[in-house]
Amino acid sequence: MNLLDKLQQATIDGQAPEVEKLTQQALDEVISLDDIINEGFISAMSIIGEKFKNNEIFVPEMLIAARAMRAGLKVLEPLILAGERKYLGKIIIGTVKGDLHDIGKNLLGMMLQGGGYDVIDLGVDVTPDRFLAAVKEHQPQVVCLSALLTTTMPFMKETVELLGEAGVREQVKILVGGAPISQRFADEIGADGYAADAGSAVVLVKEVLS
C-alpha cells in the first residue's frame, strides 16, 4: 500500500492523528499538494459519500472521517494559503434565519474544503441580509442554503428574492438542502438546485460549476 493509499484509508477510518502524521510524511517525501488532496482526501470523501448514499455508514461515521480529513488539511493549510494550490471555486454556506441546525452544513463545509473549494461558513440563523452582504464581500460562485425546519423554509425564498432585488442573483448559483426541502420547493423559489444530503451536495456543486 503506497503512502497516499494509506492516507486515503486512514481518512475513511476517521483516524485523525494518523492522517496528520501521513500528511506530514507525504509533504516530507515531496508529494505534490494536488496529489495529497486529490488522491488522499477527495478520493476518501467520494468513497465515504458513496457508502453514506448506500446506507452502509451514517452521519456519525461521515463526521469522523471529515474531522480526520480536516486534521490533514490543517497540515497543508500554510501551503494552500501561500497559493501553492488553486481553489476550484468559492462557496458560501449557511443555515437560514431561525434555524440552529448545523450538522449537515458543517459536514458539507468539510467535504467541500477537502474537495478543494474555498468555503466561507456563515454559521446558523443567517438572515437574508447577511447572505447578501457576504455575496457582495466574497464574490462566490455558489451559495448553499440549509434548513431543517419547515418554519424556516420561507427564509430561503426571501434570500433568493433579496439577491435578485440587489442585482447579484445572476452572479451566483443558489443551492438548497435539508430534511424538509424537495426539488419541487427548490424550483418554486427559483433556486438552481437541490441536494438531499452533504454527499449529493458536493456532487451538485461540481455540476453547477462545470
N, C-alpha and C. Protein backbone atom coordinates (compact mmCIF):
# COMPACT_ATOMS: atom_id res chain seq x y z
N MET A 1 0.85 -1.20 0.00
CA MET A 1 0.00 0.00 0.00
C MET A 1 0.88 1.25 0.00
N ASN A 2 0.73 2.11 -1.01
CA ASN A 2 1.58 3.31 -1.00
C ASN A 2 1.07 4.34 -0.01
N LEU A 3 1.84 5.38 0.16
CA LEU A 3 1.56 6.38 1.19
C LEU A 3 0.19 7.03 1.01
N LEU A 4 -0.16 7.38 -0.24
CA LEU A 4 -1.44 8.05 -0.48
C LEU A 4 -2.62 7.11 -0.26
N ASP A 5 -2.42 5.82 -0.56
CA ASP A 5 -3.46 4.82 -0.26
C ASP A 5 -3.68 4.73 1.25
N LYS A 6 -2.55 4.75 1.98
CA LYS A 6 -2.65 4.70 3.45
C LYS A 6 -3.39 5.93 3.97
N LEU A 7 -3.08 7.09 3.37
CA LEU A 7 -3.72 8.34 3.78
C LEU A 7 -5.22 8.27 3.49
N GLN A 8 -5.57 7.77 2.33
CA GLN A 8 -6.98 7.62 1.97
C GLN A 8 -7.70 6.72 2.99
N GLN A 9 -7.08 5.58 3.30
CA GLN A 9 -7.71 4.61 4.21
C GLN A 9 -7.84 5.18 5.62
N ALA A 10 -6.80 5.87 6.09
CA ALA A 10 -6.85 6.47 7.43
C ALA A 10 -7.95 7.53 7.51
N THR A 11 -8.16 8.26 6.40
CA THR A 11 -9.23 9.27 6.36
C THR A 11 -10.58 8.59 6.43
N ILE A 12 -10.77 7.54 5.64
CA ILE A 12 -12.03 6.79 5.64
C ILE A 12 -12.31 6.24 7.04
N ASP A 13 -11.24 5.74 7.69
CA ASP A 13 -11.40 5.16 9.03
C ASP A 13 -11.54 6.21 10.13
N GLY A 14 -11.34 7.47 9.77
CA GLY A 14 -11.51 8.55 10.74
C GLY A 14 -10.40 8.65 11.77
N GLN A 15 -9.17 8.24 11.39
CA GLN A 15 -8.05 8.26 12.34
C GLN A 15 -7.28 9.58 12.21
N ALA A 16 -7.77 10.61 12.89
CA ALA A 16 -7.20 11.95 12.74
C ALA A 16 -5.69 12.03 13.01
N PRO A 17 -5.18 11.47 14.12
CA PRO A 17 -3.73 11.58 14.37
C PRO A 17 -2.91 10.91 13.27
N GLU A 18 -3.40 9.76 12.78
CA GLU A 18 -2.70 9.03 11.72
C GLU A 18 -2.72 9.84 10.42
N VAL A 19 -3.86 10.47 10.14
CA VAL A 19 -3.99 11.30 8.92
C VAL A 19 -3.00 12.46 8.98
N GLU A 20 -2.91 13.07 10.15
CA GLU A 20 -1.97 14.19 10.35
C GLU A 20 -0.53 13.73 10.07
N LYS A 21 -0.19 12.58 10.65
CA LYS A 21 1.18 12.03 10.51
C LYS A 21 1.48 11.71 9.04
N LEU A 22 0.54 11.03 8.38
CA LEU A 22 0.76 10.62 6.98
C LEU A 22 0.81 11.82 6.04
N THR A 23 0.02 12.85 6.35
CA THR A 23 0.04 14.07 5.52
C THR A 23 1.42 14.73 5.61
N GLN A 24 1.94 14.82 6.82
CA GLN A 24 3.27 15.41 7.01
C GLN A 24 4.33 14.57 6.29
N GLN A 25 4.17 13.27 6.40
CA GLN A 25 5.11 12.34 5.74
C GLN A 25 5.08 12.55 4.21
N ALA A 26 3.87 12.73 3.68
CA ALA A 26 3.73 12.94 2.23
C ALA A 26 4.43 14.23 1.81
N LEU A 27 4.29 15.28 2.64
CA LEU A 27 4.99 16.55 2.35
C LEU A 27 6.50 16.35 2.41
N ASP A 28 6.96 15.61 3.43
CA ASP A 28 8.40 15.35 3.58
C ASP A 28 8.96 14.59 2.38
N GLU A 29 8.11 13.75 1.80
CA GLU A 29 8.55 12.98 0.63
C GLU A 29 8.32 13.74 -0.68
N VAL A 30 8.00 15.02 -0.53
CA VAL A 30 7.80 15.94 -1.66
C VAL A 30 6.73 15.43 -2.64
N ILE A 31 5.66 14.85 -2.07
CA ILE A 31 4.49 14.52 -2.89
C ILE A 31 3.71 15.82 -3.07
N SER A 32 3.22 16.07 -4.28
CA SER A 32 2.59 17.37 -4.56
C SER A 32 1.30 17.56 -3.77
N LEU A 33 1.02 18.82 -3.48
CA LEU A 33 -0.18 19.21 -2.75
C LEU A 33 -1.43 18.65 -3.44
N ASP A 34 -1.48 18.80 -4.77
CA ASP A 34 -2.65 18.32 -5.53
C ASP A 34 -2.83 16.82 -5.36
N ASP A 35 -1.74 16.07 -5.42
CA ASP A 35 -1.85 14.61 -5.27
C ASP A 35 -2.32 14.22 -3.88
N ILE A 36 -1.79 14.92 -2.87
CA ILE A 36 -2.21 14.62 -1.49
C ILE A 36 -3.71 14.86 -1.34
N ILE A 37 -4.16 16.01 -1.84
CA ILE A 37 -5.58 16.37 -1.70
C ILE A 37 -6.47 15.47 -2.56
N ASN A 38 -6.08 15.29 -3.83
CA ASN A 38 -6.93 14.51 -4.74
C ASN A 38 -6.96 13.03 -4.40
N GLU A 39 -5.77 12.45 -4.21
CA GLU A 39 -5.70 11.00 -4.01
C GLU A 39 -5.87 10.60 -2.55
N GLY A 40 -5.54 11.53 -1.64
CA GLY A 40 -5.72 11.23 -0.22
C GLY A 40 -7.11 11.56 0.26
N PHE A 41 -7.50 12.82 0.09
CA PHE A 41 -8.74 13.29 0.72
C PHE A 41 -9.97 13.22 -0.18
N ILE A 42 -9.87 13.77 -1.39
CA ILE A 42 -11.06 13.81 -2.25
C ILE A 42 -11.54 12.39 -2.56
N SER A 43 -10.59 11.50 -2.86
CA SER A 43 -10.97 10.12 -3.16
C SER A 43 -11.61 9.46 -1.92
N ALA A 44 -11.04 9.75 -0.74
CA ALA A 44 -11.60 9.19 0.51
C ALA A 44 -13.03 9.66 0.72
N MET A 45 -13.26 10.97 0.54
CA MET A 45 -14.60 11.52 0.79
C MET A 45 -15.60 11.07 -0.28
N SER A 46 -15.12 10.77 -1.48
CA SER A 46 -16.00 10.22 -2.52
C SER A 46 -16.49 8.84 -2.09
N ILE A 47 -15.56 8.03 -1.56
CA ILE A 47 -15.93 6.69 -1.09
C ILE A 47 -16.91 6.80 0.08
N ILE A 48 -16.60 7.73 1.01
CA ILE A 48 -17.47 7.94 2.17
C ILE A 48 -18.88 8.37 1.71
N GLY A 49 -18.92 9.31 0.76
CA GLY A 49 -20.21 9.81 0.24
C GLY A 49 -21.02 8.69 -0.39
N GLU A 50 -20.34 7.82 -1.12
CA GLU A 50 -20.99 6.67 -1.79
C GLU A 50 -21.55 5.71 -0.74
N LYS A 51 -20.73 5.42 0.29
CA LYS A 51 -21.17 4.50 1.34
C LYS A 51 -22.39 5.07 2.09
N PHE A 52 -22.35 6.39 2.30
CA PHE A 52 -23.46 7.05 3.00
C PHE A 52 -24.73 6.94 2.18
N LYS A 53 -24.60 7.16 0.85
CA LYS A 53 -25.75 7.09 -0.04
C LYS A 53 -26.36 5.69 -0.04
N ASN A 54 -25.49 4.68 0.08
CA ASN A 54 -25.97 3.28 0.07
C ASN A 54 -26.34 2.77 1.46
N ASN A 55 -26.41 3.69 2.44
CA ASN A 55 -26.75 3.33 3.82
C ASN A 55 -25.78 2.32 4.46
N GLU A 56 -24.52 2.33 3.98
CA GLU A 56 -23.53 1.45 4.60
C GLU A 56 -22.92 2.11 5.84
N ILE A 57 -22.93 3.44 5.84
CA ILE A 57 -22.49 4.19 7.03
C ILE A 57 -23.49 5.31 7.28
N PHE A 58 -23.38 5.96 8.44
CA PHE A 58 -24.35 7.01 8.79
C PHE A 58 -23.62 8.30 9.17
N VAL A 59 -24.39 9.32 9.56
CA VAL A 59 -23.82 10.65 9.80
C VAL A 59 -22.62 10.63 10.76
N PRO A 60 -22.67 9.89 11.89
CA PRO A 60 -21.50 9.93 12.79
C PRO A 60 -20.20 9.50 12.10
N GLU A 61 -20.27 8.43 11.29
CA GLU A 61 -19.07 7.97 10.59
C GLU A 61 -18.58 9.00 9.58
N MET A 62 -19.55 9.65 8.92
CA MET A 62 -19.17 10.68 7.96
C MET A 62 -18.45 11.84 8.66
N LEU A 63 -18.99 12.23 9.81
CA LEU A 63 -18.39 13.34 10.56
C LEU A 63 -16.99 12.99 11.05
N ILE A 64 -16.81 11.74 11.49
CA ILE A 64 -15.50 11.32 11.99
C ILE A 64 -14.48 11.34 10.85
N ALA A 65 -14.89 10.86 9.66
CA ALA A 65 -13.99 10.88 8.50
C ALA A 65 -13.68 12.32 8.10
N ALA A 66 -14.70 13.17 8.11
CA ALA A 66 -14.50 14.58 7.73
C ALA A 66 -13.56 15.28 8.71
N ARG A 67 -13.67 14.94 10.00
CA ARG A 67 -12.77 15.53 11.00
C ARG A 67 -11.33 15.09 10.77
N ALA A 68 -11.18 13.82 10.42
CA ALA A 68 -9.83 13.29 10.14
C ALA A 68 -9.24 14.03 8.95
N MET A 69 -10.07 14.22 7.92
CA MET A 69 -9.60 14.95 6.73
C MET A 69 -9.18 16.38 7.12
N ARG A 70 -9.98 16.99 7.99
CA ARG A 70 -9.66 18.35 8.40
C ARG A 70 -8.31 18.41 9.12
N ALA A 71 -7.99 17.37 9.88
CA ALA A 71 -6.69 17.31 10.57
C ALA A 71 -5.56 17.33 9.54
N GLY A 72 -5.76 16.61 8.44
CA GLY A 72 -4.76 16.60 7.38
C GLY A 72 -4.67 17.93 6.66
N LEU A 73 -5.83 18.54 6.43
CA LEU A 73 -5.85 19.83 5.72
C LEU A 73 -5.15 20.91 6.55
N LYS A 74 -5.23 20.76 7.89
CA LYS A 74 -4.57 21.73 8.76
C LYS A 74 -3.05 21.74 8.52
N VAL A 75 -2.50 20.53 8.28
CA VAL A 75 -1.07 20.41 7.99
C VAL A 75 -0.75 21.12 6.66
N LEU A 76 -1.68 21.02 5.71
CA LEU A 76 -1.45 21.60 4.38
C LEU A 76 -1.77 23.09 4.30
N GLU A 77 -2.48 23.59 5.31
CA GLU A 77 -3.00 24.96 5.26
C GLU A 77 -1.96 26.03 4.90
N PRO A 78 -0.77 26.02 5.52
CA PRO A 78 0.21 27.06 5.17
C PRO A 78 0.53 27.07 3.68
N LEU A 79 0.61 25.87 3.08
CA LEU A 79 0.93 25.79 1.64
C LEU A 79 -0.25 26.25 0.80
N ILE A 80 -1.46 25.87 1.23
CA ILE A 80 -2.66 26.29 0.49
C ILE A 80 -2.76 27.81 0.53
N LEU A 81 -2.56 28.38 1.73
CA LEU A 81 -2.67 29.84 1.88
C LEU A 81 -1.55 30.57 1.13
N ALA A 82 -0.41 29.89 0.98
CA ALA A 82 0.70 30.51 0.26
C ALA A 82 0.47 30.47 -1.26
N GLY A 83 -0.68 29.89 -1.63
CA GLY A 83 -1.04 29.91 -3.04
C GLY A 83 -0.45 28.79 -3.86
N GLU A 84 -0.03 27.72 -3.15
CA GLU A 84 0.54 26.60 -3.91
C GLU A 84 -0.54 25.71 -4.50
N ARG A 85 -1.77 25.96 -4.09
CA ARG A 85 -2.89 25.22 -4.69
C ARG A 85 -3.98 26.21 -5.09
N LYS A 86 -4.50 26.02 -6.28
CA LYS A 86 -5.59 26.89 -6.75
C LYS A 86 -6.92 26.29 -6.29
N TYR A 87 -7.75 27.13 -5.70
CA TYR A 87 -9.08 26.65 -5.32
C TYR A 87 -9.94 26.43 -6.57
N LEU A 88 -10.86 25.47 -6.48
CA LEU A 88 -11.74 25.17 -7.61
C LEU A 88 -12.91 26.16 -7.68
N GLY A 89 -13.13 26.88 -6.60
CA GLY A 89 -14.23 27.85 -6.58
C GLY A 89 -14.46 28.31 -5.16
N LYS A 90 -15.25 29.40 -5.03
CA LYS A 90 -15.53 29.94 -3.70
C LYS A 90 -17.01 29.71 -3.39
N ILE A 91 -17.28 29.21 -2.20
CA ILE A 91 -18.64 28.82 -1.85
C ILE A 91 -19.03 29.37 -0.48
N ILE A 92 -20.21 29.98 -0.41
CA ILE A 92 -20.74 30.45 0.87
C ILE A 92 -21.77 29.43 1.34
N ILE A 93 -21.68 29.02 2.61
CA ILE A 93 -22.70 28.11 3.15
C ILE A 93 -23.27 28.71 4.43
N GLY A 94 -24.52 28.36 4.73
CA GLY A 94 -25.13 28.85 5.97
C GLY A 94 -26.50 28.24 6.18
N THR A 95 -26.89 28.13 7.46
CA THR A 95 -28.24 27.70 7.81
C THR A 95 -29.10 28.96 7.96
N VAL A 96 -30.30 28.94 7.38
CA VAL A 96 -31.10 30.17 7.28
C VAL A 96 -31.65 30.64 8.62
N LYS A 97 -32.16 31.86 8.60
CA LYS A 97 -32.69 32.54 9.79
C LYS A 97 -33.69 31.66 10.56
N GLY A 98 -33.53 31.65 11.88
CA GLY A 98 -34.45 30.92 12.74
C GLY A 98 -34.10 29.45 12.93
N ASP A 99 -33.07 28.99 12.23
CA ASP A 99 -32.71 27.57 12.27
C ASP A 99 -31.30 27.42 12.84
N LEU A 100 -31.15 26.58 13.87
CA LEU A 100 -29.86 26.43 14.53
C LEU A 100 -29.19 25.09 14.24
N HIS A 101 -29.74 24.34 13.28
CA HIS A 101 -29.16 23.03 12.94
C HIS A 101 -27.90 23.21 12.10
N ASP A 102 -26.84 22.50 12.47
CA ASP A 102 -25.61 22.73 11.68
C ASP A 102 -24.82 21.48 11.32
N ILE A 103 -25.32 20.27 11.70
CA ILE A 103 -24.51 19.08 11.41
C ILE A 103 -24.33 18.90 9.90
N GLY A 104 -25.44 18.96 9.16
CA GLY A 104 -25.38 18.79 7.70
C GLY A 104 -24.52 19.85 7.05
N LYS A 105 -24.71 21.09 7.51
CA LYS A 105 -23.94 22.22 6.96
C LYS A 105 -22.44 22.05 7.25
N ASN A 106 -22.11 21.68 8.47
CA ASN A 106 -20.70 21.51 8.83
C ASN A 106 -20.05 20.39 8.01
N LEU A 107 -20.82 19.33 7.83
CA LEU A 107 -20.33 18.19 7.06
C LEU A 107 -20.06 18.62 5.62
N LEU A 108 -21.01 19.37 5.06
CA LEU A 108 -20.85 19.85 3.69
C LEU A 108 -19.61 20.74 3.60
N GLY A 109 -19.45 21.64 4.57
CA GLY A 109 -18.29 22.54 4.57
C GLY A 109 -16.98 21.77 4.56
N MET A 110 -16.90 20.74 5.41
CA MET A 110 -15.66 19.95 5.50
C MET A 110 -15.41 19.18 4.20
N MET A 111 -16.49 18.63 3.62
CA MET A 111 -16.33 17.85 2.39
C MET A 111 -15.94 18.76 1.22
N LEU A 112 -16.51 19.95 1.18
CA LEU A 112 -16.15 20.90 0.11
C LEU A 112 -14.71 21.37 0.26
N GLN A 113 -14.30 21.63 1.51
CA GLN A 113 -12.90 22.02 1.76
C GLN A 113 -11.95 20.93 1.29
N GLY A 114 -12.29 19.69 1.66
CA GLY A 114 -11.46 18.57 1.24
C GLY A 114 -11.47 18.39 -0.26
N GLY A 115 -12.55 18.85 -0.90
CA GLY A 115 -12.67 18.76 -2.35
C GLY A 115 -11.97 19.89 -3.08
N GLY A 116 -11.31 20.79 -2.33
CA GLY A 116 -10.52 21.83 -2.98
C GLY A 116 -11.23 23.16 -3.19
N TYR A 117 -12.33 23.37 -2.45
CA TYR A 117 -13.05 24.65 -2.58
C TYR A 117 -12.73 25.57 -1.41
N ASP A 118 -12.81 26.86 -1.67
CA ASP A 118 -12.66 27.87 -0.63
C ASP A 118 -14.04 28.07 -0.02
N VAL A 119 -14.22 27.70 1.25
CA VAL A 119 -15.55 27.72 1.86
C VAL A 119 -15.66 28.83 2.91
N ILE A 120 -16.69 29.65 2.76
CA ILE A 120 -16.98 30.68 3.77
C ILE A 120 -18.26 30.24 4.48
N ASP A 121 -18.10 29.85 5.76
CA ASP A 121 -19.24 29.34 6.52
C ASP A 121 -19.81 30.46 7.39
N LEU A 122 -21.06 30.86 7.10
CA LEU A 122 -21.68 31.97 7.84
C LEU A 122 -22.35 31.49 9.13
N GLY A 123 -22.34 30.17 9.36
CA GLY A 123 -22.91 29.65 10.60
C GLY A 123 -24.41 29.38 10.50
N VAL A 124 -25.09 29.55 11.64
CA VAL A 124 -26.54 29.27 11.69
C VAL A 124 -27.32 30.56 11.90
N ASP A 125 -28.66 30.47 11.73
CA ASP A 125 -29.54 31.63 11.97
C ASP A 125 -29.10 32.83 11.12
N VAL A 126 -28.81 32.56 9.84
CA VAL A 126 -28.27 33.60 8.96
C VAL A 126 -29.42 34.32 8.23
N THR A 127 -29.51 35.62 8.40
CA THR A 127 -30.58 36.40 7.77
C THR A 127 -30.30 36.58 6.28
N PRO A 128 -31.36 36.83 5.49
CA PRO A 128 -31.14 37.13 4.07
C PRO A 128 -30.14 38.27 3.86
N ASP A 129 -30.21 39.30 4.73
CA ASP A 129 -29.28 40.45 4.62
C ASP A 129 -27.82 40.01 4.75
N ARG A 130 -27.57 39.08 5.69
CA ARG A 130 -26.19 38.61 5.88
C ARG A 130 -25.69 37.81 4.70
N PHE A 131 -26.59 37.01 4.11
CA PHE A 131 -26.20 36.28 2.89
C PHE A 131 -25.83 37.27 1.79
N LEU A 132 -26.67 38.31 1.65
CA LEU A 132 -26.41 39.32 0.61
C LEU A 132 -25.08 40.03 0.85
N ALA A 133 -24.83 40.44 2.09
CA ALA A 133 -23.57 41.14 2.42
C ALA A 133 -22.37 40.24 2.11
N ALA A 134 -22.51 38.95 2.43
CA ALA A 134 -21.40 38.01 2.20
C ALA A 134 -21.15 37.80 0.70
N VAL A 135 -22.23 37.77 -0.08
CA VAL A 135 -22.08 37.61 -1.54
C VAL A 135 -21.35 38.83 -2.11
N LYS A 136 -21.73 40.01 -1.64
CA LYS A 136 -21.07 41.25 -2.13
C LYS A 136 -19.60 41.27 -1.71
N GLU A 137 -19.33 40.83 -0.49
CA GLU A 137 -17.96 40.90 0.02
C GLU A 137 -17.05 39.84 -0.61
N HIS A 138 -17.54 38.60 -0.70
CA HIS A 138 -16.66 37.49 -1.09
C HIS A 138 -16.75 37.10 -2.56
N GLN A 139 -17.81 37.56 -3.26
CA GLN A 139 -17.97 37.23 -4.69
C GLN A 139 -17.86 35.72 -4.96
N PRO A 140 -18.69 34.90 -4.31
CA PRO A 140 -18.61 33.45 -4.53
C PRO A 140 -19.26 33.04 -5.85
N GLN A 141 -19.01 31.81 -6.26
CA GLN A 141 -19.72 31.26 -7.42
C GLN A 141 -21.01 30.56 -6.99
N VAL A 142 -21.00 30.06 -5.73
CA VAL A 142 -22.14 29.26 -5.26
C VAL A 142 -22.51 29.69 -3.83
N VAL A 143 -23.84 29.69 -3.56
CA VAL A 143 -24.33 29.92 -2.20
C VAL A 143 -25.19 28.70 -1.83
N CYS A 144 -24.87 28.06 -0.70
CA CYS A 144 -25.64 26.89 -0.26
C CYS A 144 -26.45 27.26 0.99
N LEU A 145 -27.77 27.12 0.88
CA LEU A 145 -28.67 27.44 2.00
C LEU A 145 -29.19 26.15 2.61
N SER A 146 -29.13 26.05 3.93
CA SER A 146 -29.61 24.85 4.62
C SER A 146 -30.76 25.20 5.55
N ALA A 147 -31.77 24.31 5.62
CA ALA A 147 -32.87 24.47 6.58
C ALA A 147 -33.33 23.09 7.02
N LEU A 148 -33.54 22.93 8.33
CA LEU A 148 -34.00 21.64 8.86
C LEU A 148 -35.43 21.74 9.40
N LEU A 149 -35.95 22.96 9.47
CA LEU A 149 -37.30 23.16 9.99
C LEU A 149 -38.20 23.72 8.89
N THR A 150 -39.41 23.21 8.80
CA THR A 150 -40.34 23.72 7.77
C THR A 150 -40.64 25.20 8.00
N THR A 151 -40.61 25.62 9.28
CA THR A 151 -40.93 27.01 9.60
C THR A 151 -39.87 28.00 9.09
N THR A 152 -38.66 27.49 8.82
CA THR A 152 -37.60 28.41 8.37
C THR A 152 -37.41 28.38 6.85
N MET A 153 -38.15 27.49 6.17
CA MET A 153 -38.02 27.39 4.71
C MET A 153 -38.32 28.71 3.97
N PRO A 154 -39.32 29.50 4.45
CA PRO A 154 -39.60 30.77 3.74
C PRO A 154 -38.39 31.70 3.65
N PHE A 155 -37.44 31.57 4.60
CA PHE A 155 -36.27 32.46 4.55
C PHE A 155 -35.34 32.11 3.38
N MET A 156 -35.46 30.89 2.89
CA MET A 156 -34.72 30.54 1.67
C MET A 156 -35.26 31.36 0.51
N LYS A 157 -36.59 31.39 0.41
CA LYS A 157 -37.24 32.16 -0.66
C LYS A 157 -36.87 33.64 -0.54
N GLU A 158 -36.93 34.15 0.69
CA GLU A 158 -36.59 35.57 0.92
C GLU A 158 -35.15 35.88 0.49
N THR A 159 -34.26 34.95 0.78
CA THR A 159 -32.84 35.15 0.43
C THR A 159 -32.67 35.19 -1.09
N VAL A 160 -33.31 34.25 -1.78
CA VAL A 160 -33.23 34.23 -3.26
C VAL A 160 -33.78 35.54 -3.82
N GLU A 161 -34.92 35.99 -3.28
CA GLU A 161 -35.55 37.23 -3.78
C GLU A 161 -34.67 38.45 -3.51
N LEU A 162 -34.07 38.49 -2.31
CA LEU A 162 -33.24 39.64 -1.95
C LEU A 162 -32.01 39.73 -2.86
N LEU A 163 -31.39 38.59 -3.16
CA LEU A 163 -30.24 38.59 -4.06
C LEU A 163 -30.66 39.07 -5.46
N GLY A 164 -31.89 38.74 -5.83
CA GLY A 164 -32.42 39.21 -7.11
C GLY A 164 -32.62 40.72 -7.11
N GLU A 165 -33.25 41.22 -6.05
CA GLU A 165 -33.51 42.67 -5.95
C GLU A 165 -32.20 43.46 -5.92
N ALA A 166 -31.17 42.87 -5.32
CA ALA A 166 -29.88 43.58 -5.19
C ALA A 166 -29.05 43.49 -6.47
N GLY A 167 -29.54 42.72 -7.44
CA GLY A 167 -28.84 42.64 -8.72
C GLY A 167 -27.64 41.72 -8.74
N VAL A 168 -27.54 40.81 -7.74
CA VAL A 168 -26.39 39.90 -7.71
C VAL A 168 -26.79 38.45 -8.00
N ARG A 169 -28.10 38.25 -8.24
CA ARG A 169 -28.60 36.87 -8.41
C ARG A 169 -27.93 36.15 -9.59
N GLU A 170 -27.66 36.89 -10.66
CA GLU A 170 -27.09 36.26 -11.86
C GLU A 170 -25.64 35.82 -11.65
N GLN A 171 -24.98 36.39 -10.64
CA GLN A 171 -23.56 36.07 -10.42
C GLN A 171 -23.35 34.74 -9.71
N VAL A 172 -24.40 34.25 -9.01
CA VAL A 172 -24.21 33.05 -8.17
C VAL A 172 -25.23 31.96 -8.47
N LYS A 173 -24.80 30.73 -8.21
CA LYS A 173 -25.74 29.60 -8.23
C LYS A 173 -26.20 29.40 -6.80
N ILE A 174 -27.51 29.27 -6.59
CA ILE A 174 -28.04 29.06 -5.25
C ILE A 174 -28.53 27.62 -5.13
N LEU A 175 -27.96 26.90 -4.17
CA LEU A 175 -28.34 25.51 -3.92
C LEU A 175 -28.99 25.41 -2.55
N VAL A 176 -30.04 24.59 -2.44
CA VAL A 176 -30.74 24.45 -1.16
C VAL A 176 -30.76 22.99 -0.73
N GLY A 177 -30.83 22.77 0.60
CA GLY A 177 -30.87 21.40 1.10
C GLY A 177 -31.33 21.36 2.55
N GLY A 178 -31.59 20.14 3.01
CA GLY A 178 -32.10 19.94 4.37
C GLY A 178 -33.28 19.00 4.32
N ALA A 179 -33.60 18.41 5.47
CA ALA A 179 -34.64 17.36 5.54
C ALA A 179 -35.99 17.72 4.89
N PRO A 180 -36.54 18.93 5.16
CA PRO A 180 -37.88 19.19 4.61
C PRO A 180 -37.88 19.71 3.17
N ILE A 181 -36.70 19.92 2.60
CA ILE A 181 -36.60 20.54 1.28
C ILE A 181 -36.78 19.49 0.18
N SER A 182 -37.35 19.91 -0.94
CA SER A 182 -37.52 19.00 -2.08
C SER A 182 -37.12 19.73 -3.36
N GLN A 183 -36.99 18.96 -4.44
CA GLN A 183 -36.68 19.58 -5.74
C GLN A 183 -37.79 20.55 -6.13
N ARG A 184 -39.01 20.14 -5.83
CA ARG A 184 -40.17 20.98 -6.17
C ARG A 184 -40.08 22.35 -5.48
N PHE A 185 -39.73 22.32 -4.18
CA PHE A 185 -39.59 23.56 -3.42
C PHE A 185 -38.47 24.42 -4.01
N ALA A 186 -37.35 23.77 -4.36
CA ALA A 186 -36.21 24.49 -4.96
C ALA A 186 -36.66 25.19 -6.25
N ASP A 187 -37.44 24.48 -7.07
CA ASP A 187 -37.95 25.07 -8.32
C ASP A 187 -38.88 26.24 -8.03
N GLU A 188 -39.74 26.07 -7.03
CA GLU A 188 -40.73 27.11 -6.68
C GLU A 188 -40.06 28.42 -6.28
N ILE A 189 -38.95 28.32 -5.53
CA ILE A 189 -38.34 29.56 -5.04
C ILE A 189 -37.26 30.09 -6.00
N GLY A 190 -37.05 29.36 -7.10
CA GLY A 190 -36.08 29.84 -8.09
C GLY A 190 -34.63 29.54 -7.76
N ALA A 191 -34.40 28.47 -6.95
CA ALA A 191 -33.02 28.05 -6.67
C ALA A 191 -32.48 27.29 -7.88
N ASP A 192 -31.16 27.14 -7.93
CA ASP A 192 -30.53 26.46 -9.08
C ASP A 192 -30.38 24.96 -8.88
N GLY A 193 -30.65 24.48 -7.66
CA GLY A 193 -30.51 23.06 -7.43
C GLY A 193 -30.84 22.68 -6.01
N TYR A 194 -31.06 21.37 -5.82
CA TYR A 194 -31.41 20.84 -4.50
C TYR A 194 -30.61 19.57 -4.25
N ALA A 195 -30.14 19.39 -3.02
CA ALA A 195 -29.44 18.16 -2.65
C ALA A 195 -30.02 17.64 -1.35
N ALA A 196 -30.18 16.32 -1.28
CA ALA A 196 -30.80 15.70 -0.10
C ALA A 196 -29.84 15.58 1.07
N ASP A 197 -28.53 15.49 0.77
CA ASP A 197 -27.54 15.34 1.85
C ASP A 197 -26.20 15.93 1.41
N ALA A 198 -25.25 15.95 2.35
CA ALA A 198 -23.96 16.59 2.07
C ALA A 198 -23.22 15.94 0.90
N GLY A 199 -23.27 14.61 0.83
CA GLY A 199 -22.59 13.91 -0.26
C GLY A 199 -23.13 14.32 -1.63
N SER A 200 -24.47 14.37 -1.74
CA SER A 200 -25.10 14.77 -3.02
C SER A 200 -24.80 16.24 -3.31
N ALA A 201 -24.72 17.05 -2.25
CA ALA A 201 -24.47 18.49 -2.43
C ALA A 201 -23.09 18.74 -3.05
N VAL A 202 -22.10 17.95 -2.65
CA VAL A 202 -20.76 18.10 -3.21
C VAL A 202 -20.79 17.80 -4.71
N VAL A 203 -21.50 16.74 -5.08
CA VAL A 203 -21.64 16.37 -6.50
C VAL A 203 -22.36 17.48 -7.27
N LEU A 204 -23.40 18.04 -6.64
CA LEU A 204 -24.18 19.12 -7.27
C LEU A 204 -23.34 20.37 -7.49
N VAL A 205 -22.52 20.71 -6.50
CA VAL A 205 -21.62 21.88 -6.63
C VAL A 205 -20.71 21.70 -7.84
N LYS A 206 -20.13 20.49 -7.97
CA LYS A 206 -19.27 20.19 -9.11
C LYS A 206 -20.02 20.41 -10.42
N GLU A 207 -21.27 19.91 -10.44
CA GLU A 207 -22.09 20.00 -11.67
C GLU A 207 -22.36 21.45 -12.04
N VAL A 208 -22.79 22.25 -11.06
CA VAL A 208 -23.16 23.64 -11.41
C VAL A 208 -21.94 24.49 -11.76
N LEU A 209 -20.76 24.07 -11.30
CA LEU A 209 -19.56 24.85 -11.62
C LEU A 209 -18.87 24.39 -12.89
N SER A 210 -19.28 23.21 -13.40
CA SER A 210 -18.58 22.69 -14.59
C SER A 210 -19.09 23.38 -15.86
